[in-house]
Amino acid sequence: MVHEPNNWGRFGPDDQRGTLNLLTPSVVLDALRAATSGEVLSLALPIRGATSSPAPTTVPHLRGRPLPQHFMSVDGGDYAAGARPIGEGLCVADDALVVTPHGTTTHMDALCHMWSGDRLYNGHPAARVRSYGATRCGIERVGGVVARGVLFDVPRRLGLDHLPAGHRIEPGELEEIAVPRPGDVAVIRTGWPQVWERSPEEYWSGQPGLSAAAGRWLAAHDVAVVAADNAAIGGLDARGLAGEGLADDLHLILLHRHGIHLIELLWLEELAATGRTEFVFVAAPLRVEGGTGSALTPLAIL
């Protein structure tokens, strides 16, 4: 049972989209005004998958998660070995990609990804998350997200390249940068992905992130989505775990109680270099019915 302020019932008893309901046509049209130059930046990490090379391990990820696998069912070597072209001179390459998005690549969490007790967001029965997928609050409920993005570049504000692993971002640090409007996507830069190139072991030693108070502050301002370049929105310890109890767990505060979708493992360095605080944010997860999340390529339109 949820006791603190929350969004259960706010958008109707059957709601499965949470604060994405705030993205009405008028809010979306207003968000488009944040684009002034038309430059488009990708905010995604690359997906490097291979079955015979270390490529997947060269991208920031949480330790112990199954990394992307990329298979070619037909490739140039097959034709060199004598495979028949489809038609006269017509060849084709075909591949398959296996991605478990949580902790391994840029992705969006569905509202069914985490919960407490026997209820998902908005009181939907947790038993509806089955072995074949979630029949409530799955990622297919998201659709497309077009909103005003607001970059909270906390290390830049503090004069740092990246936040220290133990840093927990407090509401005042966010408020010094901007106050979001209802329906905004709050994009949090910690700079932590830069650490990967220096040392994967250092990357795994912990991660900076939002404090519980900052999560509640964003929820109180009715953001549609919280996105960050770290792996868990909140901070992590050396075991890759959040240190807060259930009452202060960021996924429970945002996903479970307030119906705010989360996007993790962004790449924000090019966006940060522009110095822009607001922009148009665009993202559309794969329409995986019953999915707890989806790999994602968010875009910033400047």
C-alpha atoms as a PDB file:
ATOM      1  CA  MET A   1       0.000   0.000   0.000  1.00  0.00           C
ATOM      2  CA  VAL A   2       1.241   3.489  -0.891  1.00  0.00           C
ATOM      3  CA  HIS A   3       0.945   5.993   1.958  1.00  0.00           C
ATOM      4  CA  GLU A   4       2.981   9.019   0.842  1.00  0.00           C
ATOM      5  CA  PRO A   5       1.714  11.490  -1.821  1.00  0.00           C
ATOM      6  CA  ASN A   6       1.373   9.683  -5.140  1.00  0.00           C
ATOM      7  CA  ASN A   7      -0.443   9.633  -8.466  1.00  0.00           C
ATOM      8  CA  TRP A   8      -2.540   6.521  -7.934  1.00  0.00           C
ATOM      9  CA  GLY A   9      -6.021   7.235  -9.273  1.00  0.00           C
ATOM     10  CA  ARG A  10      -5.086  10.720 -10.511  1.00  0.00           C
ATOM     11  CA  PHE A  11      -5.481   9.786 -14.180  1.00  0.00           C
ATOM     12  CA  GLY A  12      -8.298   7.309 -13.652  1.00  0.00           C
ATOM     13  CA  PRO A  13      -8.540   3.829 -12.094  1.00  0.00           C
ATOM     14  CA  ASP A  14      -7.383   2.067 -15.273  1.00  0.00           C
ATOM     15  CA  ASP A  15      -4.430   4.327 -16.049  1.00  0.00           C
ATOM     16  CA  GLN A  16      -1.197   2.618 -17.136  1.00  0.00           C
ATOM     17  CA  ARG A  17       0.765   5.641 -18.467  1.00  0.00           C
ATOM     18  CA  GLY A  18       1.292   7.773 -15.378  1.00  0.00           C
ATOM     19  CA  THR A  19       2.625  11.270 -15.897  1.00  0.00           C
ATOM     20  CA  LEU A  20       2.914  10.723 -19.643  1.00  0.00           C
ATOM     21  CA  ASN A  21      -0.759  11.754 -19.529  1.00  0.00           C
ATOM     22  CA  LEU A  22       0.515  15.287 -18.922  1.00  0.00           C
ATOM     23  CA  LEU A  23       1.832  15.387 -22.498  1.00  0.00           C
ATOM     24  CA  THR A  24      -1.354  16.746 -24.020  1.00  0.00           C
ATOM     25  CA  PRO A  25      -1.299  18.161 -27.573  1.00  0.00           C
ATOM     26  CA  SER A  26      -1.026  21.707 -26.233  1.00  0.00           C
ATOM     27  CA  VAL A  27       1.906  20.772 -23.953  1.00  0.00           C
ATOM     28  CA  VAL A  28       3.677  19.054 -26.862  1.00  0.00           C
ATOM     29  CA  LEU A  29       3.179  22.035 -29.156  1.00  0.00           C
ATOM     30  CA  ASP A  30       4.527  24.337 -26.461  1.00  0.00           C
ATOM     31  CA  ALA A  31       7.543  22.049 -26.011  1.00  0.00           C
ATOM     32  CA  LEU A  32       8.435  22.354 -29.686  1.00  0.00           C
ATOM     33  CA  ARG A  33       9.253  26.020 -29.100  1.00  0.00           C
ATOM     34  CA  ALA A  34      12.372  24.896 -27.221  1.00  0.00           C
ATOM     35  CA  ALA A  35      14.052  24.069 -30.552  1.00  0.00           C
ATOM     36  CA  THR A  36      15.824  27.074 -32.058  1.00  0.00           C
ATOM     37  CA  SER A  37      18.640  25.796 -34.305  1.00  0.00           C
ATOM     38  CA  GLY A  38      17.281  22.474 -35.581  1.00  0.00           C
ATOM     39  CA  GLU A  39      20.449  20.558 -34.641  1.00  0.00           C
ATOM     40  CA  VAL A  40      19.713  16.946 -33.641  1.00  0.00           C
ATOM     41  CA  LEU A  41      21.855  15.057 -31.112  1.00  0.00           C
ATOM     42  CA  SER A  42      21.599  11.408 -30.148  1.00  0.00           C
ATOM     43  CA  LEU A  43      21.580  10.802 -26.392  1.00  0.00           C
ATOM     44  CA  ALA A  44      22.166   7.036 -26.635  1.00  0.00           C
ATOM     45  CA  LEU A  45      25.145   4.827 -25.952  1.00  0.00           C
ATOM     46  CA  PRO A  46      26.086   2.537 -28.859  1.00  0.00           C
ATOM     47  CA  ILE A  47      24.889  -1.068 -28.796  1.00  0.00           C
ATOM     48  CA  ARG A  48      27.909  -3.215 -29.549  1.00  0.00           C
ATOM     49  CA  GLY A  49      27.080  -6.859 -29.824  1.00  0.00           C
ATOM     50  CA  ALA A  50      29.253  -9.733 -31.005  1.00  0.00           C
ATOM     51  CA  THR A  51      29.612 -13.431 -30.345  1.00  0.00           C
ATOM     52  CA  SER A  52      33.372 -13.591 -30.906  1.00  0.00           C
ATOM     53  CA  SER A  53      34.813 -10.270 -29.720  1.00  0.00           C
ATOM     54  CA  PRO A  54      34.939  -8.142 -26.554  1.00  0.00           C
ATOM     55  CA  ALA A  55      32.937  -5.339 -28.249  1.00  0.00           C
ATOM     56  CA  PRO A  56      29.974  -5.439 -25.801  1.00  0.00           C
ATOM     57  CA  THR A  57      32.310  -4.987 -22.831  1.00  0.00           C
ATOM     58  CA  THR A  58      33.620  -1.684 -24.206  1.00  0.00           C
ATOM     59  CA  VAL A  59      30.347   0.150 -23.461  1.00  0.00           C
ATOM     60  CA  PRO A  60      29.454   1.237 -19.890  1.00  0.00           C
ATOM     61  CA  HIS A  61      27.234  -1.335 -18.187  1.00  0.00           C
ATOM     62  CA  LEU A  62      26.481  -2.841 -14.811  1.00  0.00           C
ATOM     63  CA  ARG A  63      28.550  -5.853 -13.876  1.00  0.00           C
ATOM     64  CA  GLY A  64      26.861  -9.243 -14.104  1.00  0.00           C
ATOM     65  CA  ARG A  65      24.176  -8.284 -16.634  1.00  0.00           C
ATOM     66  CA  PRO A  66      23.847 -10.266 -19.894  1.00  0.00           C
ATOM     67  CA  LEU A  67      25.411  -8.105 -22.598  1.00  0.00           C
ATOM     68  CA  PRO A  68      24.066  -7.590 -26.142  1.00  0.00           C
ATOM     69  CA  GLN A  69      24.587 -10.381 -28.637  1.00  0.00           C
ATOM     70  CA  HIS A  70      24.630  -9.730 -32.372  1.00  0.00           C
ATOM     71  CA  PHE A  71      24.272 -12.605 -34.812  1.00  0.00           C
ATOM     72  CA  MET A  72      24.461 -12.525 -38.610  1.00  0.00           C
ATOM     73  CA  SER A  73      22.256 -15.142 -40.247  1.00  0.00           C
ATOM     74  CA  VAL A  74      23.467 -14.167 -43.734  1.00  0.00           C
ATOM     75  CA  ASP A  75      26.601 -12.164 -44.485  1.00  0.00           C
ATOM     76  CA  GLY A  76      29.141 -11.468 -47.187  1.00  0.00           C
ATOM     77  CA  GLY A  77      31.164 -14.549 -46.276  1.00  0.00           C
ATOM     78  CA  ASP A  78      28.210 -16.778 -47.123  1.00  0.00           C
ATOM     79  CA  TYR A  79      28.142 -15.469 -50.699  1.00  0.00           C
ATOM     80  CA  ALA A  80      31.914 -15.752 -50.984  1.00  0.00           C
ATOM     81  CA  ALA A  81      31.521 -19.390 -49.953  1.00  0.00           C
ATOM     82  CA  GLY A  82      28.974 -20.051 -52.693  1.00  0.00           C
ATOM     83  CA  ALA A  83      25.566 -19.100 -51.297  1.00  0.00           C
ATOM     84  CA  ARG A  84      23.110 -18.265 -54.067  1.00  0.00           C
ATOM     85  CA  PRO A  85      22.026 -14.631 -54.376  1.00  0.00           C
ATOM     86  CA  ILE A  86      18.303 -13.971 -54.040  1.00  0.00           C
ATOM     87  CA  GLY A  87      18.119 -12.765 -57.594  1.00  0.00           C
ATOM     88  CA  GLU A  88      20.461 -11.860 -60.379  1.00  0.00           C
ATOM     89  CA  GLY A  89      23.272 -10.032 -58.602  1.00  0.00           C
ATOM     90  CA  LEU A  90      21.080  -9.316 -55.549  1.00  0.00           C
ATOM     91  CA  CYS A  91      22.587 -10.123 -52.138  1.00  0.00           C
ATOM     92  CA  VAL A  92      21.324  -9.326 -48.670  1.00  0.00           C
ATOM     93  CA  ALA A  93      22.713  -9.283 -45.147  1.00  0.00           C
ATOM     94  CA  ASP A  94      20.427 -10.286 -42.292  1.00  0.00           C
ATOM     95  CA  ASP A  95      21.005 -10.186 -38.566  1.00  0.00           C
ATOM     96  CA  ALA A  96      19.462 -10.763 -35.156  1.00  0.00           C
ATOM     97  CA  LEU A  97      20.107  -8.766 -32.004  1.00  0.00           C
ATOM     98  CA  VAL A  98      19.521  -9.961 -28.440  1.00  0.00           C
ATOM     99  CA  VAL A  99      19.422  -7.119 -25.915  1.00  0.00           C
ATOM    100  CA  THR A 100      18.486  -7.225 -22.251  1.00  0.00           C
ATOM    101  CA  PRO A 101      18.233  -3.471 -21.782  1.00  0.00           C
ATOM    102  CA  HIS A 102      18.297  -3.004 -17.992  1.00  0.00           C
ATOM    103  CA  GLY A 103      21.839  -2.115 -16.961  1.00  0.00           C
ATOM    104  CA  THR A 104      23.384  -2.770 -20.373  1.00  0.00           C
ATOM    105  CA  THR A 105      22.369   0.014 -22.736  1.00  0.00           C
ATOM    106  CA  THR A 106      20.326   3.210 -23.019  1.00  0.00           C
ATOM    107  CA  HIS A 107      16.775   2.203 -22.167  1.00  0.00           C
ATOM    108  CA  MET A 108      13.413   3.195 -20.727  1.00  0.00           C
ATOM    109  CA  ASP A 109      11.884   1.440 -17.710  1.00  0.00           C
ATOM    110  CA  ALA A 110       8.206   0.557 -17.920  1.00  0.00           C
ATOM    111  CA  LEU A 111       5.919   1.137 -14.933  1.00  0.00           C
ATOM    112  CA  CYS A 112       5.812  -2.641 -14.387  1.00  0.00           C
ATOM    113  CA  HIS A 113       9.589  -2.818 -13.893  1.00  0.00           C
ATOM    114  CA  MET A 114       9.589  -2.445 -10.083  1.00  0.00           C
ATOM    115  CA  TRP A 115       7.010  -2.452  -7.329  1.00  0.00           C
ATOM    116  CA  SER A 116       6.516  -3.141  -3.632  1.00  0.00           C
ATOM    117  CA  GLY A 117       3.952  -5.468  -2.099  1.00  0.00           C
ATOM    118  CA  ASP A 118       1.372  -6.988  -4.423  1.00  0.00           C
ATOM    119  CA  ARG A 119       0.444  -3.923  -6.471  1.00  0.00           C
ATOM    120  CA  LEU A 120       2.000  -2.187  -9.471  1.00  0.00           C
ATOM    121  CA  TYR A 121       1.592   1.528 -10.122  1.00  0.00           C
ATOM    122  CA  ASN A 122      -2.019   2.695  -9.749  1.00  0.00           C
ATOM    123  CA  GLY A 123      -3.014  -0.451  -7.868  1.00  0.00           C
ATOM    124  CA  HIS A 124      -2.786  -2.897 -10.764  1.00  0.00           C
ATOM    125  CA  PRO A 125      -2.222  -6.458  -9.467  1.00  0.00           C
ATOM    126  CA  ALA A 126       1.449  -7.458  -9.545  1.00  0.00           C
ATOM    127  CA  ALA A 127       0.281 -10.977 -10.402  1.00  0.00           C
ATOM    128  CA  ARG A 128      -0.457  -9.616 -13.884  1.00  0.00           C
ATOM    129  CA  VAL A 129       3.305  -9.631 -14.521  1.00  0.00           C
ATOM    130  CA  ARG A 130       3.588 -13.122 -16.001  1.00  0.00           C
ATOM    131  CA  SER A 131       6.350 -15.300 -17.429  1.00  0.00           C
ATOM    132  CA  TYR A 132       5.392 -14.128 -20.930  1.00  0.00           C
ATOM    133  CA  GLY A 133       5.298 -10.431 -20.010  1.00  0.00           C
ATOM    134  CA  ALA A 134       3.327  -7.880 -18.051  1.00  0.00           C
ATOM    135  CA  THR A 135      -0.347  -7.558 -18.916  1.00  0.00           C
ATOM    136  CA  ARG A 136      -0.487  -4.254 -17.049  1.00  0.00           C
ATOM    137  CA  CYS A 137       1.783  -1.181 -17.309  1.00  0.00           C
ATOM    138  CA  GLY A 138       4.026  -2.648 -20.030  1.00  0.00           C
ATOM    139  CA  ILE A 139       6.369  -0.568 -22.170  1.00  0.00           C
ATOM    140  CA  GLU A 140       3.920  -0.684 -25.091  1.00  0.00           C
ATOM    141  CA  ARG A 141       1.736   1.789 -23.175  1.00  0.00           C
ATOM    142  CA  VAL A 142       4.304   4.566 -23.648  1.00  0.00           C
ATOM    143  CA  GLY A 143       3.974   5.333 -27.355  1.00  0.00           C
ATOM    144  CA  GLY A 144       6.039   8.311 -28.444  1.00  0.00           C
ATOM    145  CA  VAL A 145       7.409  10.920 -26.063  1.00  0.00           C
ATOM    146  CA  VAL A 146       7.790  14.476 -27.343  1.00  0.00           C
ATOM    147  CA  ALA A 147       8.391  16.995 -24.579  1.00  0.00           C
ATOM    148  CA  ARG A 148      10.528  19.867 -23.429  1.00  0.00           C
ATOM    149  CA  GLY A 149      13.782  18.471 -22.119  1.00  0.00           C
ATOM    150  CA  VAL A 150      15.572  20.272 -19.293  1.00  0.00           C
ATOM    151  CA  LEU A 151      19.242  19.421 -18.732  1.00  0.00           C
ATOM    152  CA  PHE A 152      20.375  19.490 -15.122  1.00  0.00           C
ATOM    153  CA  ASP A 153      24.150  19.502 -15.629  1.00  0.00           C
ATOM    154  CA  VAL A 154      25.116  19.205 -11.979  1.00  0.00           C
ATOM    155  CA  PRO A 155      28.889  18.642 -12.412  1.00  0.00           C
ATOM    156  CA  ARG A 156      29.136  21.683 -14.704  1.00  0.00           C
ATOM    157  CA  ARG A 157      27.405  23.749 -12.016  1.00  0.00           C
ATOM    158  CA  LEU A 158      29.975  22.522  -9.488  1.00  0.00           C
ATOM    159  CA  GLY A 159      32.964  23.011 -11.807  1.00  0.00           C
ATOM    160  CA  LEU A 160      33.616  19.258 -12.159  1.00  0.00           C
ATOM    161  CA  ASP A 161      34.009  16.872 -15.098  1.00  0.00           C
ATOM    162  CA  HIS A 162      31.857  14.339 -13.276  1.00  0.00           C
ATOM    163  CA  LEU A 163      30.361  13.896  -9.830  1.00  0.00           C
ATOM    164  CA  PRO A 164      32.174  11.705  -7.277  1.00  0.00           C
ATOM    165  CA  ALA A 165      30.778   8.204  -6.842  1.00  0.00           C
ATOM    166  CA  GLY A 166      29.298   8.999  -3.439  1.00  0.00           C
ATOM    167  CA  HIS A 167      27.571  12.223  -4.483  1.00  0.00           C
ATOM    168  CA  ARG A 168      23.787  12.325  -4.057  1.00  0.00           C
ATOM    169  CA  ILE A 169      22.131  15.215  -5.852  1.00  0.00           C
ATOM    170  CA  GLU A 170      19.853  17.235  -3.584  1.00  0.00           C
ATOM    171  CA  PRO A 171      16.825  19.355  -4.599  1.00  0.00           C
ATOM    172  CA  GLY A 172      18.698  22.632  -4.089  1.00  0.00           C
ATOM    173  CA  GLU A 173      21.339  21.609  -6.635  1.00  0.00           C
ATOM    174  CA  LEU A 174      18.613  21.026  -9.221  1.00  0.00           C
ATOM    175  CA  GLU A 175      16.719  24.195  -8.365  1.00  0.00           C
ATOM    176  CA  GLU A 176      19.867  26.286  -8.885  1.00  0.00           C
ATOM    177  CA  ILE A 177      19.845  25.140 -12.514  1.00  0.00           C
ATOM    178  CA  ALA A 178      16.136  25.149 -13.402  1.00  0.00           C
ATOM    179  CA  VAL A 179      12.634  24.525 -12.123  1.00  0.00           C
ATOM    180  CA  PRO A 180      10.813  22.105 -14.441  1.00  0.00           C
ATOM    181  CA  ARG A 181       7.321  22.664 -15.768  1.00  0.00           C
ATOM    182  CA  PRO A 182       4.593  19.981 -15.732  1.00  0.00           C
ATOM    183  CA  GLY A 183       5.225  17.551 -18.586  1.00  0.00           C
ATOM    184  CA  ASP A 184       8.964  18.237 -18.861  1.00  0.00           C
ATOM    185  CA  VAL A 185      11.577  15.509 -19.196  1.00  0.00           C
ATOM    186  CA  ALA A 186      14.177  16.081 -16.473  1.00  0.00           C
ATOM    187  CA  VAL A 187      17.567  15.016 -17.867  1.00  0.00           C
ATOM    188  CA  ILE A 188      20.208  14.554 -15.159  1.00  0.00           C
ATOM    189  CA  ARG A 189      23.899  14.626 -16.047  1.00  0.00           C
ATOM    190  CA  THR A 190      26.350  13.121 -13.557  1.00  0.00           C
ATOM    191  CA  GLY A 191      29.191  12.698 -16.079  1.00  0.00           C
ATOM    192  CA  TRP A 192      29.801   9.186 -14.713  1.00  0.00           C
ATOM    193  CA  PRO A 193      29.965   7.404 -18.122  1.00  0.00           C
ATOM    194  CA  GLN A 194      33.253   9.222 -18.768  1.00  0.00           C
ATOM    195  CA  VAL A 195      34.801   7.179 -15.965  1.00  0.00           C
ATOM    196  CA  TRP A 196      34.381   3.975 -17.999  1.00  0.00           C
ATOM    197  CA  GLU A 197      37.139   4.866 -20.453  1.00  0.00           C
ATOM    198  CA  ARG A 198      39.498   5.537 -17.557  1.00  0.00           C
ATOM    199  CA  SER A 199      38.675   2.395 -15.603  1.00  0.00           C
ATOM    200  CA  PRO A 200      35.740  -0.058 -15.636  1.00  0.00           C
ATOM    201  CA  GLU A 201      36.673  -0.997 -12.065  1.00  0.00           C
ATOM    202  CA  GLU A 202      36.289   2.618 -10.981  1.00  0.00           C
ATOM    203  CA  TYR A 203      32.958   2.786 -12.853  1.00  0.00           C
ATOM    204  CA  TRP A 204      31.770  -0.234 -10.866  1.00  0.00           C
ATOM    205  CA  SER A 205      33.011   1.170  -7.543  1.00  0.00           C
ATOM    206  CA  GLY A 206      29.732   3.067  -7.086  1.00  0.00           C
ATOM    207  CA  GLN A 207      27.760   5.717  -8.944  1.00  0.00           C
ATOM    208  CA  PRO A 208      26.483   9.215  -8.191  1.00  0.00           C
ATOM    209  CA  GLY A 209      22.779   9.887  -8.599  1.00  0.00           C
ATOM    210  CA  LEU A 210      19.667  11.602  -7.315  1.00  0.00           C
ATOM    211  CA  SER A 211      18.815  11.579  -3.632  1.00  0.00           C
ATOM    212  CA  ALA A 212      15.352  10.467  -2.570  1.00  0.00           C
ATOM    213  CA  ALA A 213      14.551  14.099  -1.762  1.00  0.00           C
ATOM    214  CA  ALA A 214      15.494  15.157  -5.301  1.00  0.00           C
ATOM    215  CA  GLY A 215      13.278  12.429  -6.735  1.00  0.00           C
ATOM    216  CA  ARG A 216      10.355  13.681  -4.672  1.00  0.00           C
ATOM    217  CA  TRP A 217      11.124  17.266  -5.732  1.00  0.00           C
ATOM    218  CA  LEU A 218      10.928  16.297  -9.407  1.00  0.00           C
ATOM    219  CA  ALA A 219       7.713  14.337  -8.792  1.00  0.00           C
ATOM    220  CA  ALA A 220       6.186  17.337  -7.026  1.00  0.00           C
ATOM    221  CA  HIS A 221       6.900  19.402 -10.149  1.00  0.00           C
ATOM    222  CA  ASP A 222       4.988  16.916 -12.325  1.00  0.00           C
ATOM    223  CA  VAL A 223       7.771  15.911 -14.699  1.00  0.00           C
ATOM    224  CA  ALA A 224       6.687  13.391 -17.326  1.00  0.00           C
ATOM    225  CA  VAL A 225       9.979  11.443 -17.352  1.00  0.00           C
ATOM    226  CA  VAL A 226      13.225  11.385 -15.365  1.00  0.00           C
ATOM    227  CA  ALA A 227      16.288  10.503 -17.443  1.00  0.00           C
ATOM    228  CA  ALA A 228      19.920  10.224 -16.391  1.00  0.00           C
ATOM    229  CA  ASP A 229      23.336   9.163 -17.642  1.00  0.00           C
ATOM    230  CA  ASN A 230      23.937   6.868 -14.672  1.00  0.00           C
ATOM    231  CA  ALA A 231      22.659   3.297 -14.439  1.00  0.00           C
ATOM    232  CA  ALA A 232      19.911   3.615 -11.835  1.00  0.00           C
ATOM    233  CA  ILE A 233      18.721   7.266 -11.541  1.00  0.00           C
ATOM    234  CA  GLY A 234      19.686   7.102  -7.862  1.00  0.00           C
ATOM    235  CA  GLY A 235      23.190   6.371  -6.622  1.00  0.00           C
ATOM    236  CA  LEU A 236      24.767   2.919  -6.339  1.00  0.00           C
ATOM    237  CA  ASP A 237      27.268   1.431  -3.944  1.00  0.00           C
ATOM    238  CA  ALA A 238      30.264  -0.796  -4.763  1.00  0.00           C
ATOM    239  CA  ARG A 239      27.978  -3.830  -4.973  1.00  0.00           C
ATOM    240  CA  GLY A 240      25.885  -2.141  -7.644  1.00  0.00           C
ATOM    241  CA  LEU A 241      22.978  -1.671  -5.230  1.00  0.00           C
ATOM    242  CA  ALA A 242      21.007   1.328  -4.024  1.00  0.00           C
ATOM    243  CA  GLY A 243      21.653   2.118  -0.373  1.00  0.00           C
ATOM    244  CA  GLU A 244      18.191   3.482   0.463  1.00  0.00           C
ATOM    245  CA  GLY A 245      15.424   1.527   2.142  1.00  0.00           C
ATOM    246  CA  LEU A 246      12.166   0.832   0.331  1.00  0.00           C
ATOM    247  CA  ALA A 247      10.601   4.101   1.451  1.00  0.00           C
ATOM    248  CA  ASP A 248      13.365   6.096  -0.253  1.00  0.00           C
ATOM    249  CA  ASP A 249      14.137   3.869  -3.246  1.00  0.00           C
ATOM    250  CA  LEU A 250      14.088   6.085  -6.360  1.00  0.00           C
ATOM    251  CA  HIS A 251      12.468   3.463  -8.576  1.00  0.00           C
ATOM    252  CA  LEU A 252       9.650   3.014  -6.081  1.00  0.00           C
ATOM    253  CA  ILE A 253       9.216   6.759  -5.578  1.00  0.00           C
ATOM    254  CA  LEU A 254       9.115   7.522  -9.290  1.00  0.00           C
ATOM    255  CA  LEU A 255       7.895   4.421 -11.138  1.00  0.00           C
ATOM    256  CA  HIS A 256       5.689   2.820  -8.516  1.00  0.00           C
ATOM    257  CA  ARG A 257       4.186   5.739  -6.624  1.00  0.00           C
ATOM    258  CA  HIS A 258       4.138   8.550  -9.142  1.00  0.00           C
ATOM    259  CA  GLY A 259       3.974   6.732 -12.476  1.00  0.00           C
ATOM    260  CA  ILE A 260       7.029   8.549 -13.821  1.00  0.00           C
ATOM    261  CA  HIS A 261       8.887   6.557 -16.466  1.00  0.00           C
ATOM    262  CA  LEU A 262      12.673   6.384 -16.151  1.00  0.00           C
ATOM    263  CA  ILE A 263      15.389   6.477 -18.804  1.00  0.00           C
ATOM    264  CA  GLU A 264      18.866   5.313 -17.824  1.00  0.00           C
ATOM    265  CA  LEU A 265      22.388   5.091 -19.262  1.00  0.00           C
ATOM    266  CA  LEU A 266      22.139   8.151 -21.475  1.00  0.00           C
ATOM    267  CA  TRP A 267      25.157   9.688 -23.202  1.00  0.00           C
ATOM    268  CA  LEU A 268      24.971  13.430 -22.505  1.00  0.00           C
ATOM    269  CA  GLU A 269      28.458  14.741 -23.239  1.00  0.00           C
ATOM    270  CA  GLU A 270      27.695  16.326 -26.635  1.00  0.00           C
ATOM    271  CA  LEU A 271      24.524  17.899 -25.290  1.00  0.00           C
ATOM    272  CA  ALA A 272      26.379  19.240 -22.243  1.00  0.00           C
ATOM    273  CA  ALA A 273      29.049  20.769 -24.487  1.00  0.00           C
ATOM    274  CA  THR A 274      26.411  22.956 -26.165  1.00  0.00           C
ATOM    275  CA  GLY A 275      25.610  24.692 -22.878  1.00  0.00           C
ATOM    276  CA  ARG A 276      21.895  24.369 -23.628  1.00  0.00           C
ATOM    277  CA  THR A 277      19.541  23.868 -20.699  1.00  0.00           C
ATOM    278  CA  GLU A 278      16.328  23.319 -22.657  1.00  0.00           C
ATOM    279  CA  PHE A 279      15.600  21.514 -25.902  1.00  0.00           C
ATOM    280  CA  VAL A 280      13.001  19.274 -27.514  1.00  0.00           C
ATOM    281  CA  PHE A 281      13.243  15.708 -26.206  1.00  0.00           C
ATOM    282  CA  VAL A 282      12.021  12.885 -28.465  1.00  0.00           C
ATOM    283  CA  ALA A 283      11.956   9.157 -27.702  1.00  0.00           C
ATOM    284  CA  ALA A 284       9.909   6.123 -28.710  1.00  0.00           C
ATOM    285  CA  PRO A 285      10.534   2.727 -27.102  1.00  0.00           C
ATOM    286  CA  LEU A 286       9.995  -0.469 -29.038  1.00  0.00           C
ATOM    287  CA  ARG A 287       6.386  -1.596 -28.820  1.00  0.00           C
ATOM    288  CA  VAL A 288       7.184  -4.768 -26.898  1.00  0.00           C
ATOM    289  CA  GLU A 289       3.872  -5.987 -25.493  1.00  0.00           C
ATOM    290  CA  GLY A 290       4.310  -6.684 -21.808  1.00  0.00           C
ATOM    291  CA  GLY A 291       7.913  -5.495 -21.805  1.00  0.00           C
ATOM    292  CA  THR A 292       9.454  -4.207 -18.573  1.00  0.00           C
ATOM    293  CA  GLY A 293      11.626  -1.857 -20.609  1.00  0.00           C
ATOM    294  CA  SER A 294      13.035  -1.155 -24.043  1.00  0.00           C
ATOM    295  CA  ALA A 295      16.314  -0.137 -25.606  1.00  0.00           C
ATOM    296  CA  LEU A 296      15.999   3.449 -26.751  1.00  0.00           C
ATOM    297  CA  THR A 297      17.645   6.166 -28.817  1.00  0.00           C
ATOM    298  CA  PRO A 298      16.474   9.481 -27.335  1.00  0.00           C
ATOM    299  CA  LEU A 299      17.057  12.608 -29.388  1.00  0.00           C
ATOM    300  CA  ALA A 300      17.671  16.200 -28.371  1.00  0.00           C
ATOM    301  CA  ILE A 301      16.528  18.774 -30.925  1.00  0.00           C
ATOM    302  CA  LEU A 302      18.267  22.071 -30.201  1.00  0.00           C
END
